[in-house]
C-alpha atoms as a PDB file:
ATOM      1  CA  MET A   1    -105.801 -67.753  51.136  1.00  0.00           C
ATOM      2  CA  ARG A   2    -108.512 -66.391  48.851  1.00  0.00           C
ATOM      3  CA  GLU A   3    -110.688 -69.386  49.703  1.00  0.00           C
ATOM      4  CA  THR A   4    -110.286 -68.652  53.427  1.00  0.00           C
ATOM      5  CA  LEU A   5    -111.198 -65.010  52.783  1.00  0.00           C
ATOM      6  CA  ARG A   6    -114.295 -66.107  50.844  1.00  0.00           C
ATOM      7  CA  ARG A   7    -115.286 -68.401  53.723  1.00  0.00           C
ATOM      8  CA  ILE A   8    -114.863 -65.518  56.173  1.00  0.00           C
ATOM      9  CA  GLY A   9    -116.933 -63.214  53.943  1.00  0.00           C
ATOM     10  CA  THR A  10    -119.713 -65.773  53.546  1.00  0.00           C
ATOM     11  CA  ALA A  11    -119.793 -66.359  57.302  1.00  0.00           C
ATOM     12  CA  ILE A  12    -120.025 -62.595  57.916  1.00  0.00           C
ATOM     13  CA  ARG A  13    -122.916 -62.215  55.484  1.00  0.00           C
ATOM     14  CA  ASN A  14    -124.806 -65.217  56.871  1.00  0.00           C
ATOM     15  CA  ALA A  15    -124.332 -64.229  60.511  1.00  0.00           C
ATOM     16  CA  SER A  16    -125.239 -60.571  59.906  1.00  0.00           C
ATOM     17  CA  VAL A  17    -128.901 -61.542  59.472  1.00  0.00           C
ATOM     18  CA  TYR A  18    -129.005 -63.988  62.390  1.00  0.00           C
ATOM     19  CA  PRO A  19    -131.446 -62.334  64.838  1.00  0.00           C
ATOM     20  CA  PRO A  20    -129.456 -62.806  68.080  1.00  0.00           C
ATOM     21  CA  ILE A  21    -126.330 -61.238  66.521  1.00  0.00           C
ATOM     22  CA  ARG A  22    -128.290 -58.428  64.835  1.00  0.00           C
ATOM     23  CA  ASN A  23    -130.288 -57.654  67.991  1.00  0.00           C
ATOM     24  CA  HIS A  24    -127.201 -57.684  70.195  1.00  0.00           C
ATOM     25  CA  ALA A  25    -125.238 -55.366  67.887  1.00  0.00           C
ATOM     26  CA  ALA A  26    -128.204 -52.998  67.574  1.00  0.00           C
ATOM     27  CA  ALA A  27    -128.654 -52.873  71.356  1.00  0.00           C
ATOM     28  CA  ILE A  28    -124.966 -52.084  71.924  1.00  0.00           C
ATOM     29  CA  ALA A  29    -124.842 -49.506  69.097  1.00  0.00           C
ATOM     30  CA  SER A  30    -127.975 -47.799  70.452  1.00  0.00           C
ATOM     31  CA  LEU A  31    -125.975 -46.767  73.531  1.00  0.00           C
ATOM     32  CA  ALA A  32    -124.054 -44.291  71.339  1.00  0.00           C
ATOM     33  CA  PRO A  33    -125.410 -40.791  70.676  1.00  0.00           C
ATOM     34  CA  PRO A  34    -127.699 -40.571  67.611  1.00  0.00           C
ATOM     35  CA  LYS A  35    -125.838 -41.136  64.321  1.00  0.00           C
ATOM     36  CA  ASP A  36    -122.443 -41.138  66.058  1.00  0.00           C
ATOM     37  CA  PHE A  37    -121.066 -43.929  63.883  1.00  0.00           C
ATOM     38  CA  VAL A  38    -117.561 -43.892  65.355  1.00  0.00           C
ATOM     39  CA  ARG A  39    -118.978 -44.373  68.847  1.00  0.00           C
ATOM     40  CA  GLN A  40    -121.207 -47.167  67.562  1.00  0.00           C
ATOM     41  CA  LEU A  41    -118.075 -48.922  66.294  1.00  0.00           C
ATOM     42  CA  MET A  42    -116.276 -48.272  69.566  1.00  0.00           C
ATOM     43  CA  PHE A  43    -119.187 -49.616  71.633  1.00  0.00           C
ATOM     44  CA  VAL A  44    -119.501 -52.812  69.559  1.00  0.00           C
ATOM     45  CA  TYR A  45    -115.706 -53.251  69.771  1.00  0.00           C
ATOM     46  CA  GLY A  46    -115.695 -52.607  73.542  1.00  0.00           C
ATOM     47  CA  ASP A  47    -118.469 -55.113  74.134  1.00  0.00           C
ATOM     48  CA  PHE A  48    -116.629 -57.703  72.056  1.00  0.00           C
ATOM     49  CA  ILE A  49    -113.288 -57.379  73.848  1.00  0.00           C
ATOM     50  CA  ARG A  50    -115.050 -57.771  77.209  1.00  0.00           C
ATOM     51  CA  ARG A  51    -116.633 -61.079  76.185  1.00  0.00           C
ATOM     52  CA  TRP A  52    -113.900 -62.635  73.951  1.00  0.00           C
ATOM     53  CA  ARG A  53    -110.364 -63.961  74.369  1.00  0.00           C
ATOM     54  CA  TYR A  54    -107.778 -64.794  71.749  1.00  0.00           C
ATOM     55  CA  VAL A  55    -107.208 -68.555  71.528  1.00  0.00           C
ATOM     56  CA  ARG A  56    -105.194 -70.097  68.698  1.00  0.00           C
ATOM     57  CA  ASP A  57    -106.408 -72.803  66.311  1.00  0.00           C
ATOM     58  CA  PRO A  58    -105.237 -76.397  66.681  1.00  0.00           C
ATOM     59  CA  VAL A  59    -101.676 -76.927  65.445  1.00  0.00           C
ATOM     60  CA  SER A  60    -102.816 -79.131  62.571  1.00  0.00           C
ATOM     61  CA  ARG A  61    -105.769 -77.162  61.190  1.00  0.00           C
ATOM     62  CA  GLU A  62    -107.108 -73.727  60.260  1.00  0.00           C
ATOM     63  CA  LEU A  63    -110.562 -73.337  61.806  1.00  0.00           C
ATOM     64  CA  VAL A  64    -112.997 -70.603  60.833  1.00  0.00           C
ATOM     65  CA  THR A  65    -116.121 -70.370  62.972  1.00  0.00           C
ATOM     66  CA  ALA A  66    -118.737 -70.052  60.260  1.00  0.00           C
ATOM     67  CA  SER A  67    -122.244 -70.941  61.407  1.00  0.00           C
ATOM     68  CA  PRO A  68    -124.244 -68.042  62.874  1.00  0.00           C
ATOM     69  CA  GLN A  69    -125.155 -70.157  65.909  1.00  0.00           C
ATOM     70  CA  ALA A  70    -121.510 -71.028  66.642  1.00  0.00           C
ATOM     71  CA  ILE A  71    -120.406 -67.425  66.161  1.00  0.00           C
ATOM     72  CA  TRP A  72    -123.091 -66.282  68.608  1.00  0.00           C
ATOM     73  CA  ARG A  73    -122.482 -69.000  71.189  1.00  0.00           C
ATOM     74  CA  LEU A  74    -118.769 -69.818  70.954  1.00  0.00           C
ATOM     75  CA  THR A  75    -117.067 -66.664  69.699  1.00  0.00           C
ATOM     76  CA  MET A  76    -119.356 -64.022  71.222  1.00  0.00           C
ATOM     77  CA  ALA A  77    -120.502 -65.990  74.323  1.00  0.00           C
ATOM     78  CA  GLY A  78    -124.018 -64.834  73.497  1.00  0.00           C
ATOM     79  CA  ASP A  79    -125.494 -67.701  75.491  1.00  0.00           C
ATOM     80  CA  GLY A  80    -123.614 -66.589  78.621  1.00  0.00           C
ATOM     81  CA  VAL A  81    -121.479 -69.734  78.555  1.00  0.00           C
ATOM     82  CA  GLY A  82    -119.367 -69.353  75.412  1.00  0.00           C
ATOM     83  CA  VAL A  83    -116.526 -71.837  75.339  1.00  0.00           C
ATOM     84  CA  GLY A  84    -116.746 -71.996  79.122  1.00  0.00           C
ATOM     85  CA  LEU A  85    -116.634 -69.637  82.091  1.00  0.00           C
ATOM     86  CA  GLY A  86    -118.735 -67.061  80.204  1.00  0.00           C
ATOM     87  CA  LYS A  87    -116.132 -66.065  77.609  1.00  0.00           C
ATOM     88  CA  GLY A  88    -116.099 -66.463  73.855  1.00  0.00           C
ATOM     89  CA  ALA A  89    -112.880 -67.426  72.143  1.00  0.00           C
ATOM     90  CA  GLY A  90    -111.175 -67.799  68.805  1.00  0.00           C
ATOM     91  CA  ASP A  91    -108.322 -66.496  66.728  1.00  0.00           C
ATOM     92  CA  CYS A  92    -108.168 -63.533  64.344  1.00  0.00           C
ATOM     93  CA  ASP A  93    -110.429 -65.038  61.692  1.00  0.00           C
ATOM     94  CA  CYS A  94    -113.094 -65.932  64.276  1.00  0.00           C
ATOM     95  CA  ALA A  95    -112.990 -62.389  65.666  1.00  0.00           C
ATOM     96  CA  THR A  96    -113.148 -60.989  62.126  1.00  0.00           C
ATOM     97  CA  VAL A  97    -116.284 -62.990  61.393  1.00  0.00           C
ATOM     98  CA  ALA A  98    -118.000 -62.064  64.668  1.00  0.00           C
ATOM     99  CA  LEU A  99    -117.219 -58.354  64.459  1.00  0.00           C
ATOM    100  CA  GLY A 100    -117.865 -58.204  60.722  1.00  0.00           C
ATOM    101  CA  ALA A 101    -121.275 -59.826  61.196  1.00  0.00           C
ATOM    102  CA  GLN A 102    -122.210 -57.401  63.954  1.00  0.00           C
ATOM    103  CA  LEU A 103    -121.095 -54.361  61.965  1.00  0.00           C
ATOM    104  CA  GLU A 104    -122.781 -55.472  58.732  1.00  0.00           C
ATOM    105  CA  SER A 105    -125.960 -56.197  60.720  1.00  0.00           C
ATOM    106  CA  ILE A 106    -126.180 -52.546  61.793  1.00  0.00           C
ATOM    107  CA  GLY A 107    -125.472 -51.073  58.386  1.00  0.00           C
ATOM    108  CA  PHE A 108    -121.701 -50.682  58.185  1.00  0.00           C
ATOM    109  CA  GLN A 109    -120.027 -51.658  54.932  1.00  0.00           C
ATOM    110  CA  THR A 110    -117.043 -53.830  55.817  1.00  0.00           C
ATOM    111  CA  ARG A 111    -113.948 -55.182  54.134  1.00  0.00           C
ATOM    112  CA  LEU A 112    -111.233 -57.606  55.138  1.00  0.00           C
ATOM    113  CA  ALA A 113    -107.609 -56.641  55.674  1.00  0.00           C
ATOM    114  CA  THR A 114    -104.602 -58.948  55.920  1.00  0.00           C
ATOM    115  CA  THR A 115    -101.099 -58.161  57.154  1.00  0.00           C
ATOM    116  CA  ALA A 116     -97.666 -59.726  57.389  1.00  0.00           C
ATOM    117  CA  PRO A 117     -95.210 -58.991  60.234  1.00  0.00           C
ATOM    118  CA  PRO A 118     -92.947 -55.903  59.933  1.00  0.00           C
ATOM    119  CA  ASN A 119     -89.713 -57.723  59.063  1.00  0.00           C
ATOM    120  CA  ARG A 120     -91.176 -60.130  56.501  1.00  0.00           C
ATOM    121  CA  GLY A 121     -89.575 -59.945  53.046  1.00  0.00           C
ATOM    122  CA  PRO A 122     -91.564 -59.358  49.861  1.00  0.00           C
ATOM    123  CA  GLY A 123     -94.214 -61.982  49.135  1.00  0.00           C
ATOM    124  CA  SER A 124     -97.869 -62.849  48.938  1.00  0.00           C
ATOM    125  CA  LEU A 125     -98.394 -64.577  52.306  1.00  0.00           C
ATOM    126  CA  PHE A 126    -100.172 -62.989  55.245  1.00  0.00           C
ATOM    127  CA  SER A 127    -100.439 -64.060  58.878  1.00  0.00           C
ATOM    128  CA  HIS A 128    -103.262 -61.886  60.242  1.00  0.00           C
ATOM    129  CA  VAL A 129    -106.774 -60.894  59.172  1.00  0.00           C
ATOM    130  CA  PHE A 130    -109.113 -58.256  60.620  1.00  0.00           C
ATOM    131  CA  ILE A 131    -112.183 -56.237  59.719  1.00  0.00           C
ATOM    132  CA  GLN A 132    -112.462 -52.613  58.676  1.00  0.00           C
ATOM    133  CA  ALA A 133    -115.698 -50.607  58.631  1.00  0.00           C
ATOM    134  CA  LEU A 134    -116.544 -47.664  56.406  1.00  0.00           C
ATOM    135  CA  VAL A 135    -117.640 -44.559  58.312  1.00  0.00           C
ATOM    136  CA  PRO A 136    -119.238 -41.830  56.190  1.00  0.00           C
ATOM    137  CA  LYS A 137    -117.005 -38.755  55.799  1.00  0.00           C
ATOM    138  CA  LEU A 138    -114.153 -40.493  57.653  1.00  0.00           C
ATOM    139  CA  GLY A 139    -113.193 -43.557  55.642  1.00  0.00           C
ATOM    140  CA  TRP A 140    -112.154 -47.039  56.675  1.00  0.00           C
ATOM    141  CA  ILE A 141    -111.678 -47.678  60.406  1.00  0.00           C
ATOM    142  CA  THR A 142    -109.790 -50.735  61.668  1.00  0.00           C
ATOM    143  CA  VAL A 143    -111.654 -52.848  64.229  1.00  0.00           C
ATOM    144  CA  ASP A 144    -109.070 -55.370  65.439  1.00  0.00           C
ATOM    145  CA  PRO A 145    -109.537 -56.878  68.922  1.00  0.00           C
ATOM    146  CA  VAL A 146    -106.375 -58.996  68.597  1.00  0.00           C
ATOM    147  CA  LEU A 147    -104.325 -55.856  69.265  1.00  0.00           C
ATOM    148  CA  HIS A 148    -106.114 -55.200  72.571  1.00  0.00           C
ATOM    149  CA  PRO A 149    -104.861 -54.251  75.169  1.00  0.00           C
ATOM    150  CA  LYS A 150    -101.503 -53.232  73.666  1.00  0.00           C
ATOM    151  CA  GLN A 151    -102.984 -50.935  71.026  1.00  0.00           C
ATOM    152  CA  PRO A 152    -106.159 -48.834  71.084  1.00  0.00           C
ATOM    153  CA  PHE A 153    -109.336 -49.071  69.037  1.00  0.00           C
ATOM    154  CA  GLY A 154    -108.670 -48.082  65.423  1.00  0.00           C
ATOM    155  CA  ALA A 155    -105.004 -49.111  65.429  1.00  0.00           C
ATOM    156  CA  THR A 156    -103.463 -51.264  62.724  1.00  0.00           C
ATOM    157  CA  ALA A 157    -100.536 -53.478  63.671  1.00  0.00           C
ATOM    158  CA  GLN A 158     -97.134 -52.614  62.259  1.00  0.00           C
ATOM    159  CA  ASN A 159     -96.602 -54.622  59.109  1.00  0.00           C
ATOM    160  CA  SER A 160     -94.476 -55.122  56.024  1.00  0.00           C
ATOM    161  CA  ARG A 161     -97.566 -55.346  53.826  1.00  0.00           C
ATOM    162  CA  ILE A 162    -101.297 -54.940  54.052  1.00  0.00           C
ATOM    163  CA  ALA A 163    -103.939 -55.966  51.533  1.00  0.00           C
ATOM    164  CA  TYR A 164    -107.624 -55.079  51.424  1.00  0.00           C
ATOM    165  CA  TRP A 165    -110.265 -57.531  50.207  1.00  0.00           C
ATOM    166  CA  ASP A 166    -114.005 -57.478  49.664  1.00  0.00           C
ATOM    167  CA  LEU A 167    -116.139 -60.147  51.320  1.00  0.00           C
ATOM    168  CA  ASN A 168    -115.876 -62.289  48.172  1.00  0.00           C
ATOM    169  CA  GLY A 169    -112.078 -62.502  48.523  1.00  0.00           C
ATOM    170  CA  ASN A 170    -111.356 -60.045  45.694  1.00  0.00           C
ATOM    171  CA  LEU A 171    -108.275 -57.869  46.106  1.00  0.00           C
ATOM    172  CA  LEU A 172    -109.195 -54.178  46.446  1.00  0.00           C
ATOM    173  CA  GLY A 173    -105.731 -52.747  47.017  1.00  0.00           C
ATOM    174  CA  PHE A 174    -102.527 -53.092  48.973  1.00  0.00           C
ATOM    175  CA  GLN A 175     -99.559 -51.269  50.486  1.00  0.00           C
ATOM    176  CA  GLY A 176     -96.020 -52.385  51.238  1.00  0.00           C
ATOM    177  CA  ASN A 177     -94.079 -55.287  49.809  1.00  0.00           C
ATOM    178  CA  TYR A 178     -96.974 -57.410  48.576  1.00  0.00           C
ATOM    179  CA  ILE A 179     -96.227 -59.366  45.406  1.00  0.00           C
ATOM    180  CA  VAL A 180     -99.550 -59.957  43.674  1.00  0.00           C
ATOM    181  CA  PRO A 181     -99.780 -63.584  42.498  1.00  0.00           C
ATOM    182  CA  GLN A 182    -100.256 -64.055  38.738  1.00  0.00           C
ATOM    183  CA  MET A 183    -103.805 -65.361  39.163  1.00  0.00           C
ATOM    184  CA  LEU A 184    -104.837 -62.028  40.751  1.00  0.00           C
ATOM    185  CA  ARG A 185    -103.291 -59.895  37.989  1.00  0.00           C
ATOM    186  CA  ARG A 186    -106.201 -59.829  35.623  1.00  0.00           C
END
């Protein structure tokens, strides 16, 4: 899992300086009132959910869209085609990379969050990943398009455990019934 989180973090960092992603995020964020950082997040989120659809990975493999060009074209449909019919697609890690890259590109500090379903017993496995952005004077805001349309912007899915990670895959903290593996207890 930590390796997947590191891959997601690296993809976010690399894509955050890719000009089409940076320019797109800046254009969308500029629609918000000056220095209204919550609205900037909401506008980037709103744009993303209009152009993206949740599509699962193949049964046999975990795929993380990692190249800036693929994130722009396939996840964000930045070329107007996407995966077809003008929509981008991917699962939670693809959305995390695309949104994380956009938010980092316009100056938001981000972190990764992982959750396990509400009825899952104690453990160290997680089934969902999403991005959170730090808003000055407010704290960490969840930006999770997988919950749309059932839950609003800023919502976090019900869970039995949640862990927070930096973009290098280092554990920052957790809540719930997470059992920290020995290799993380340093």
